Amino acid sequence: MRVGMYYNNRDVRVEEMPVPQIGPGEILVKIIASGICGSDVLEWYRVKKAPRVLGHEIAGDIVEVGEKVKSYKKGQRVFVSHHIPCNTCFYCLKGYHTACETLHTTNFDPGGFAEYVRVPELNVDRGVFVLPDEVSYDQGTFVEPLGCVIRGQRVARFQPGDSVLILGAGISGLLHLLTARTMGAGRIMATDINEYRLKAAMDMGADAAWHASEDIPARVREKNDNRLVDLVIVCAGALSAFDQALKSVDRGGTVLCFATTEPHETVSVPMNKFWRNEIKLLPSYGCAPQDAAIAIELLRCKRIPMLEKMITHKLPLDKIGLGFQLVAEPEDSMKVIIEPHS
C-alpha cells in the first residue's frame, strides 16, 4: 500500500509499505479521508520522530475484522481515535483522561496518511465509532479536532452568555468559534495575522475579528461594553498570543491554553494580578472517547454549521507534500484533506 512518509514539513514522500496484518482482536480500516492537523506541521514536535507516517483525523471503512471482534463488522463507516485512555488508572478515574500514560502511548498502525490502518485491540475496544448516515467521510475528519474543542471548553467551564476571545483563527479557532456560538456564547471575537482567516472568522459568526498586531485589549473593551472577556482561548503558539491572552481576560475569567509554546519557551504570568482577580489559567490537550462521541452527535444533529466551508483543499495521496505546505504556510487554505484512494 502507499503511505505519506513524513521526514519534515518540506519533505513528505509517497512510499510503499505492506498492508498491515491484523490480529484476532483487531480491525483493518480503509482510509477514505484524512485531515492534516496543525499539530502535524509542528516541526519541532514531529521531526524528532521522523521518518514516520502521521495522520489522525481519519474516516474510512472497516474492510477486515479479527475473529474476536464482536462489536464491529466489515463495511461499517467509522472514525477511529489514535490515542485512547486506559479508563482505569489514577488519572482516568480522576477525569484527566488525556494525562493517562496509555493515551500517550497508543496509536493505530501506521498512521492516517496511508491507504489502510491496523487498529489495535485496545483502540478497537474504546476508540472506534461508527459514523451515522448523516455524517460524511469529510465531516468525519472533524471528529477528533472537534472533540478536542469540546473538551477544552468543558475544562474551561464555559457558560452560555460568556464573552469569548479566540487568538488564532485557524481550524481550531474556528471550531471553538462555532462550538461556543452553538452553546450560547455572548460576544465572540477573534484575532489572526492572516486576512483570509480573519474574513473566515467573520463569515462564521464572529462579532469582531482583528489583526493580532492591534491593541487587542483595547479593541475588546470597545466591543464588549468596556469589559475584558470571560474566556480567552489561545489557538496560536506564538508567545505574543499568550501575552495578549493574559492582558485580555476579565476578573474572574479564564485563559484556556489550547495551543502550546515550543518546549524551551516560558510564559511570564502576572501572578499577583491573577491571584487578586481570581483569574484561571488552564491547559487542554487532546480529547477522550466521550468527547469524540459528543462531537459525532453534534455533527449528526447538524449543530456545528459551515464545516464544509472550512474545507479548502482535497488532495490525493501523491499530493501530500503540497498538503503539508498548505497547512504549514497557510495563505488562502484552511482544512486540507488527503484522500488516499482517489
Protein backbone atom coordinates (compact mmCIF):
# COMPACT_ATOMS: atom_id res chain seq x y z
CA MET A 1 0.00 0.00 0.00
CA ARG A 2 1.01 3.66 -0.40
CA VAL A 3 1.72 5.91 2.57
CA GLY A 4 2.77 9.52 3.08
CA MET A 5 6.11 9.27 4.93
CA TYR A 6 6.97 12.41 6.88
CA TYR A 7 10.62 13.50 7.07
CA ASN A 8 9.98 17.21 7.68
CA ASN A 9 7.42 19.79 6.61
CA ARG A 10 9.07 20.21 3.21
CA ASP A 11 9.77 16.52 2.66
CA VAL A 12 6.76 14.20 2.78
CA ARG A 13 7.23 11.28 0.40
CA VAL A 14 4.84 8.73 -1.05
CA GLU A 15 6.36 5.35 -0.22
CA GLU A 16 5.30 1.71 -0.24
CA MET A 17 4.60 -0.39 2.85
CA PRO A 18 2.91 -3.76 3.30
CA VAL A 19 -0.77 -3.67 4.22
CA PRO A 20 -0.80 -4.31 7.99
CA GLN A 21 -1.85 -7.80 9.08
CA ILE A 22 -4.47 -7.76 11.83
CA GLY A 23 -4.70 -9.96 14.91
CA PRO A 24 -7.79 -11.67 16.37
CA GLY A 25 -8.95 -8.60 18.31
CA GLU A 26 -8.09 -6.03 15.64
CA ILE A 27 -9.68 -4.46 12.56
CA LEU A 28 -8.35 -3.10 9.28
CA VAL A 29 -9.73 0.23 8.09
CA LYS A 30 -9.56 1.59 4.56
CA ILE A 31 -8.88 5.33 4.84
CA ILE A 32 -11.26 7.40 2.74
CA ALA A 33 -10.44 10.85 4.14
CA SER A 34 -7.65 12.04 6.43
CA GLY A 35 -7.26 15.64 7.58
CA ILE A 36 -3.89 17.33 8.05
CA CYS A 37 -3.89 18.71 11.60
CA GLY A 38 -1.98 21.80 12.68
CA SER A 39 -0.07 19.55 15.07
CA ASP A 40 1.15 17.51 12.08
CA VAL A 41 3.19 20.53 10.93
CA LEU A 42 4.62 21.40 14.36
CA GLU A 43 8.07 20.55 13.08
CA TRP A 44 9.87 20.84 16.45
CA TYR A 45 7.41 18.24 17.75
CA ARG A 46 7.30 15.89 14.77
CA VAL A 47 10.74 15.87 13.21
CA LYS A 48 12.45 14.19 16.17
CA LYS A 49 10.44 11.02 15.46
CA ALA A 50 10.81 11.14 11.67
CA PRO A 51 10.56 9.33 9.38
CA ARG A 52 7.05 8.21 10.21
CA VAL A 53 3.51 8.13 8.85
CA LEU A 54 1.43 10.84 10.51
CA GLY A 55 -2.31 11.48 10.33
CA HIS A 56 -5.00 11.04 12.96
CA GLU A 57 -8.11 12.86 11.70
CA ILE A 58 -9.47 9.88 9.80
CA ALA A 59 -12.67 8.43 8.42
CA GLY A 60 -12.99 5.21 6.49
CA ASP A 61 -14.48 1.76 6.05
CA ILE A 62 -13.86 -1.43 8.00
CA VAL A 63 -12.57 -3.94 5.45
CA GLU A 64 -11.37 -6.75 7.72
CA VAL A 65 -12.40 -7.87 11.22
CA GLY A 66 -10.48 -10.16 13.57
CA GLU A 67 -12.24 -13.30 14.79
CA LYS A 68 -12.52 -11.98 18.37
CA VAL A 69 -14.16 -8.70 17.35
CA LYS A 70 -17.90 -8.81 18.00
CA SER A 71 -18.89 -5.14 18.15
CA TYR A 72 -17.99 -4.18 14.57
CA LYS A 73 -18.39 -5.66 11.14
CA LYS A 74 -16.99 -5.34 7.66
CA GLY A 75 -18.44 -2.43 5.68
CA GLN A 76 -19.15 -0.09 8.57
CA ARG A 77 -18.13 3.55 8.16
CA VAL A 78 -16.02 4.64 11.13
CA PHE A 79 -13.95 7.26 12.83
CA VAL A 80 -11.04 5.82 14.84
CA SER A 81 -9.25 7.55 17.74
CA HIS A 82 -5.48 7.18 17.53
CA HIS A 83 -4.86 7.90 21.24
CA ILE A 84 -7.13 6.22 23.79
CA PRO A 85 -7.02 6.11 27.60
CA CYS A 86 -6.99 3.02 29.78
CA ASN A 87 -10.02 4.25 31.82
CA THR A 88 -8.67 2.53 34.94
CA CYS A 89 -5.57 4.45 36.08
CA PHE A 90 -5.44 7.15 38.74
CA TYR A 91 -5.66 9.94 36.15
CA CYS A 92 -8.56 8.43 34.20
CA LEU A 93 -10.53 7.84 37.40
CA LYS A 94 -9.95 11.49 38.32
CA GLY A 95 -11.28 12.57 34.92
CA TYR A 96 -7.88 13.50 33.45
CA HIS A 97 -8.05 11.03 30.57
CA THR A 98 -5.59 12.91 28.39
CA ALA A 99 -2.95 12.68 31.13
CA CYS A 100 -3.19 8.88 31.02
CA GLU A 101 0.05 7.15 30.08
CA THR A 102 -1.84 4.70 27.90
CA LEU A 103 -3.33 7.56 25.88
CA HIS A 104 0.18 8.89 25.22
CA THR A 105 1.49 5.52 24.01
CA THR A 106 -1.39 4.14 21.91
CA ASN A 107 -1.82 4.66 18.17
CA PHE A 108 -3.02 2.91 15.05
CA ASP A 109 -0.61 1.41 12.53
CA PRO A 110 0.99 3.04 10.62
CA GLY A 111 -0.86 6.40 10.56
CA GLY A 112 -3.76 8.13 8.86
CA PHE A 113 -1.85 9.17 5.74
CA ALA A 114 -1.98 5.64 4.40
CA GLU A 115 -4.34 3.56 2.33
CA TYR A 116 -5.08 1.25 5.29
CA VAL A 117 -4.54 1.26 9.04
CA ARG A 118 -4.49 -1.57 11.54
CA VAL A 119 -6.48 -0.71 14.66
CA PRO A 120 -5.02 -2.42 17.77
CA GLU A 121 -7.27 -4.33 20.15
CA LEU A 122 -7.32 -1.63 22.85
CA ASN A 123 -8.31 1.01 20.28
CA VAL A 124 -10.99 -1.31 18.94
CA ASP A 125 -12.36 -1.67 22.46
CA ARG A 126 -12.76 2.06 23.16
CA GLY A 127 -11.67 4.15 20.18
CA VAL A 128 -13.81 3.07 17.21
CA PHE A 129 -17.01 4.99 16.47
CA VAL A 130 -19.50 4.12 13.75
CA LEU A 131 -20.34 7.19 11.68
CA PRO A 132 -24.08 7.85 11.41
CA ASP A 133 -25.54 8.07 7.91
CA GLU A 134 -25.90 11.83 8.41
CA VAL A 135 -22.11 12.28 8.85
CA SER A 136 -20.00 12.21 5.69
CA TYR A 137 -16.41 11.00 5.48
CA ASP A 138 -15.26 14.62 5.15
CA GLN A 139 -17.20 15.55 8.28
CA GLY A 140 -15.70 12.51 9.98
CA THR A 141 -12.26 14.14 9.72
CA PHE A 142 -13.56 16.83 12.08
CA VAL A 143 -14.46 14.40 14.88
CA GLU A 144 -11.04 14.46 16.55
CA PRO A 145 -10.40 18.24 16.37
CA LEU A 146 -13.99 18.98 17.38
CA GLY A 147 -13.66 16.55 20.29
CA CYS A 148 -10.57 18.43 21.44
CA VAL A 149 -12.51 21.70 21.29
CA ILE A 150 -15.41 20.22 23.25
CA ARG A 151 -13.05 19.00 25.95
CA GLY A 152 -11.26 22.36 26.08
CA GLN A 153 -14.44 24.33 26.59
CA ARG A 154 -15.61 21.87 29.23
CA VAL A 155 -12.29 22.16 31.11
CA ALA A 156 -12.61 25.95 30.93
CA ARG A 157 -16.15 25.72 32.35
CA PHE A 158 -17.55 27.78 29.52
CA GLN A 159 -21.06 29.05 30.30
CA PRO A 160 -23.79 30.36 27.97
CA GLY A 161 -23.54 34.13 27.81
CA ASP A 162 -19.77 34.21 28.34
CA SER A 163 -17.83 36.60 26.15
CA VAL A 164 -15.05 34.84 24.24
CA LEU A 165 -11.81 35.96 22.60
CA ILE A 166 -10.11 33.46 20.29
CA LEU A 167 -6.45 34.12 19.48
CA GLY A 168 -5.74 32.34 16.20
CA ALA A 169 -8.47 31.76 13.60
CA GLY A 170 -7.24 28.54 12.03
CA ILE A 171 -9.22 25.31 12.16
CA SER A 172 -9.07 25.05 15.96
CA GLY A 173 -10.01 28.67 16.43
CA LEU A 174 -12.95 28.44 14.04
CA LEU A 175 -14.18 25.22 15.64
CA HIS A 176 -14.03 26.96 19.02
CA LEU A 177 -16.00 29.85 17.50
CA LEU A 178 -18.72 27.61 16.05
CA THR A 179 -18.95 25.47 19.20
CA ALA A 180 -19.11 28.48 21.53
CA ARG A 181 -21.81 30.05 19.33
CA THR A 182 -23.80 26.80 19.35
CA MET A 183 -23.50 26.62 23.14
CA GLY A 184 -24.84 30.13 23.65
CA ALA A 185 -21.82 32.40 23.90
CA GLY A 186 -22.22 36.12 24.22
CA ARG A 187 -19.88 38.21 22.09
CA ILE A 188 -17.21 36.23 20.25
CA MET A 189 -14.10 37.98 18.97
CA ALA A 190 -11.08 36.59 17.12
CA THR A 191 -7.58 37.55 16.05
CA ASP A 192 -5.09 36.31 13.48
CA ILE A 193 -2.24 37.59 11.32
CA ASN A 194 -3.84 36.20 8.15
CA GLU A 195 -6.53 38.31 6.44
CA TYR A 196 -8.09 35.22 4.85
CA ARG A 197 -8.65 33.69 8.28
CA LEU A 198 -9.98 36.93 9.75
CA LYS A 199 -12.57 37.05 6.98
CA ALA A 200 -13.41 33.37 7.63
CA ALA A 201 -13.98 34.16 11.32
CA MET A 202 -16.41 36.94 10.41
CA ASP A 203 -18.17 34.75 7.84
CA MET A 204 -18.67 32.11 10.53
CA GLY A 205 -20.27 34.41 13.03
CA ALA A 206 -17.60 36.30 14.97
CA ASP A 207 -18.78 39.66 16.27
CA ALA A 208 -15.36 41.13 15.51
CA ALA A 209 -12.03 39.97 14.09
CA TRP A 210 -8.80 41.95 14.35
CA HIS A 211 -5.25 41.62 13.14
CA ALA A 212 -3.13 40.37 16.03
CA SER A 213 -0.84 43.40 15.75
CA GLU A 214 -3.59 45.71 17.04
CA ASP A 215 -4.09 46.70 20.68
CA ILE A 216 -6.31 43.71 21.37
CA PRO A 217 -7.31 44.52 24.98
CA ALA A 218 -8.39 47.99 23.83
CA ARG A 219 -10.36 46.57 20.87
CA VAL A 220 -12.03 44.08 23.20
CA ARG A 221 -13.16 46.81 25.58
CA GLU A 222 -14.61 48.81 22.70
CA LYS A 223 -16.65 45.82 21.55
CA ASN A 224 -17.55 44.29 24.92
CA ASP A 225 -19.17 47.11 26.94
CA ASN A 226 -15.80 48.30 28.26
CA ARG A 227 -15.07 44.88 29.73
CA LEU A 228 -12.37 42.35 29.01
CA VAL A 229 -13.60 38.84 28.22
CA ASP A 230 -14.75 35.94 30.35
CA LEU A 231 -12.86 33.36 28.32
CA VAL A 232 -9.72 33.74 26.21
CA ILE A 233 -8.84 30.72 24.05
CA VAL A 234 -5.26 30.64 22.80
CA CYS A 235 -5.11 28.78 19.47
CA ALA A 236 -1.76 30.18 18.32
CA GLY A 237 1.64 29.06 19.56
CA ALA A 238 3.33 32.47 19.41
CA LEU A 239 4.45 33.89 22.75
CA SER A 240 2.80 37.18 21.79
CA ALA A 241 -0.57 35.42 21.72
CA PHE A 242 -0.13 34.21 25.30
CA ASP A 243 0.87 37.72 26.34
CA GLN A 244 -2.27 39.14 24.70
CA ALA A 245 -4.37 36.49 26.43
CA LEU A 246 -3.08 37.43 29.87
CA LYS A 247 -3.92 41.08 29.18
CA SER A 248 -7.37 40.43 27.69
CA VAL A 249 -9.05 38.29 30.36
CA ASP A 250 -11.50 39.90 32.78
CA ARG A 251 -11.64 39.47 36.54
CA GLY A 252 -12.98 36.02 37.38
CA GLY A 253 -12.21 34.91 33.82
CA THR A 254 -10.27 32.04 32.30
CA VAL A 255 -7.39 31.72 29.86
CA LEU A 256 -7.57 28.38 28.02
CA CYS A 257 -4.20 27.36 26.56
CA PHE A 258 -5.44 25.25 23.66
CA ALA A 259 -2.15 25.75 21.81
CA THR A 260 1.30 25.46 23.35
CA THR A 261 4.67 27.13 23.05
CA GLU A 262 7.87 25.47 21.93
CA PRO A 263 9.45 23.41 24.76
CA HIS A 264 12.17 25.93 25.61
CA GLU A 265 9.81 28.91 25.82
CA THR A 266 8.32 30.24 29.05
CA VAL A 267 5.22 32.37 29.55
CA SER A 268 5.50 35.02 32.26
CA VAL A 269 2.29 35.18 34.30
CA PRO A 270 1.36 38.26 36.39
CA MET A 271 0.63 36.03 39.37
CA ASN A 272 -0.31 38.79 41.81
CA LYS A 273 -2.89 40.19 39.39
CA PHE A 274 -4.31 36.76 38.70
CA TRP A 275 -4.40 35.99 42.43
CA ARG A 276 -6.21 39.21 43.30
CA ASN A 277 -8.71 38.91 40.46
CA GLU A 278 -9.35 35.14 40.62
CA ILE A 279 -8.23 34.56 37.04
CA LYS A 280 -7.73 30.94 35.98
CA LEU A 281 -5.03 29.70 33.60
CA LEU A 282 -5.78 26.24 32.19
CA PRO A 283 -4.33 23.95 29.51
CA SER A 284 -6.22 21.45 27.38
CA TYR A 285 -4.59 18.63 25.45
CA GLY A 286 -6.31 16.19 23.15
CA CYS A 287 -9.67 14.53 23.71
CA ALA A 288 -11.08 11.42 25.33
CA PRO A 289 -13.60 8.92 23.88
CA GLN A 290 -16.54 10.72 25.47
CA ASP A 291 -15.54 13.92 23.67
CA ALA A 292 -15.41 12.12 20.31
CA ALA A 293 -18.87 10.67 20.98
CA ILE A 294 -20.26 14.14 21.71
CA ALA A 295 -18.59 15.52 18.58
CA ILE A 296 -20.21 12.85 16.43
CA GLU A 297 -23.63 13.57 17.90
CA LEU A 298 -23.24 17.32 17.28
CA LEU A 299 -22.27 16.55 13.69
CA ARG A 300 -25.20 14.16 13.27
CA CYS A 301 -27.63 16.79 14.52
CA LYS A 302 -26.07 19.49 12.30
CA ARG A 303 -25.38 21.61 15.38
CA ILE A 304 -21.94 22.67 14.14
CA PRO A 305 -22.68 24.52 10.88
CA MET A 306 -20.47 25.51 7.96
CA LEU A 307 -17.87 22.75 8.35
CA GLU A 308 -17.77 22.23 4.60
CA LYS A 309 -16.82 25.89 4.15
CA MET A 310 -13.62 25.18 6.08
CA ILE A 311 -12.53 22.53 3.57
CA THR A 312 -10.41 24.38 1.04
CA HIS A 313 -8.40 21.50 -0.43
CA LYS A 314 -9.00 17.79 -1.07
CA LEU A 315 -5.87 16.13 -2.43
CA PRO A 316 -4.83 12.63 -3.50
CA LEU A 317 -2.05 10.94 -1.57
CA ASP A 318 0.54 11.75 -4.22
CA LYS A 319 -0.05 15.46 -3.48
CA ILE A 320 0.52 15.11 0.27
CA GLY A 321 3.67 17.22 0.12
CA LEU A 322 1.59 20.10 -1.23
CA GLY A 323 -0.95 19.48 1.52
CA PHE A 324 1.68 19.86 4.22
CA GLN A 325 2.91 23.09 2.63
CA LEU A 326 -0.64 24.47 2.55
CA VAL A 327 -1.05 23.79 6.28
CA ALA A 328 2.45 24.79 7.37
CA GLU A 329 2.44 28.05 5.41
CA PRO A 330 -1.24 28.99 5.09
CA GLU A 331 -2.37 31.80 2.84
CA ASP A 332 -5.81 31.00 1.46
CA SER A 333 -6.05 27.48 2.84
CA MET A 334 -7.87 26.12 5.86
CA LYS A 335 -8.87 22.46 6.15
CA VAL A 336 -6.78 20.19 3.91
CA ILE A 337 -7.99 16.61 3.43
CA ILE A 338 -5.96 13.78 1.93
CA GLU A 339 -7.88 11.09 0.04
CA PRO A 340 -5.54 8.05 -0.17
CA HIS A 341 -7.69 6.14 -2.67
CA SER A 342 -8.61 8.95 -5.06
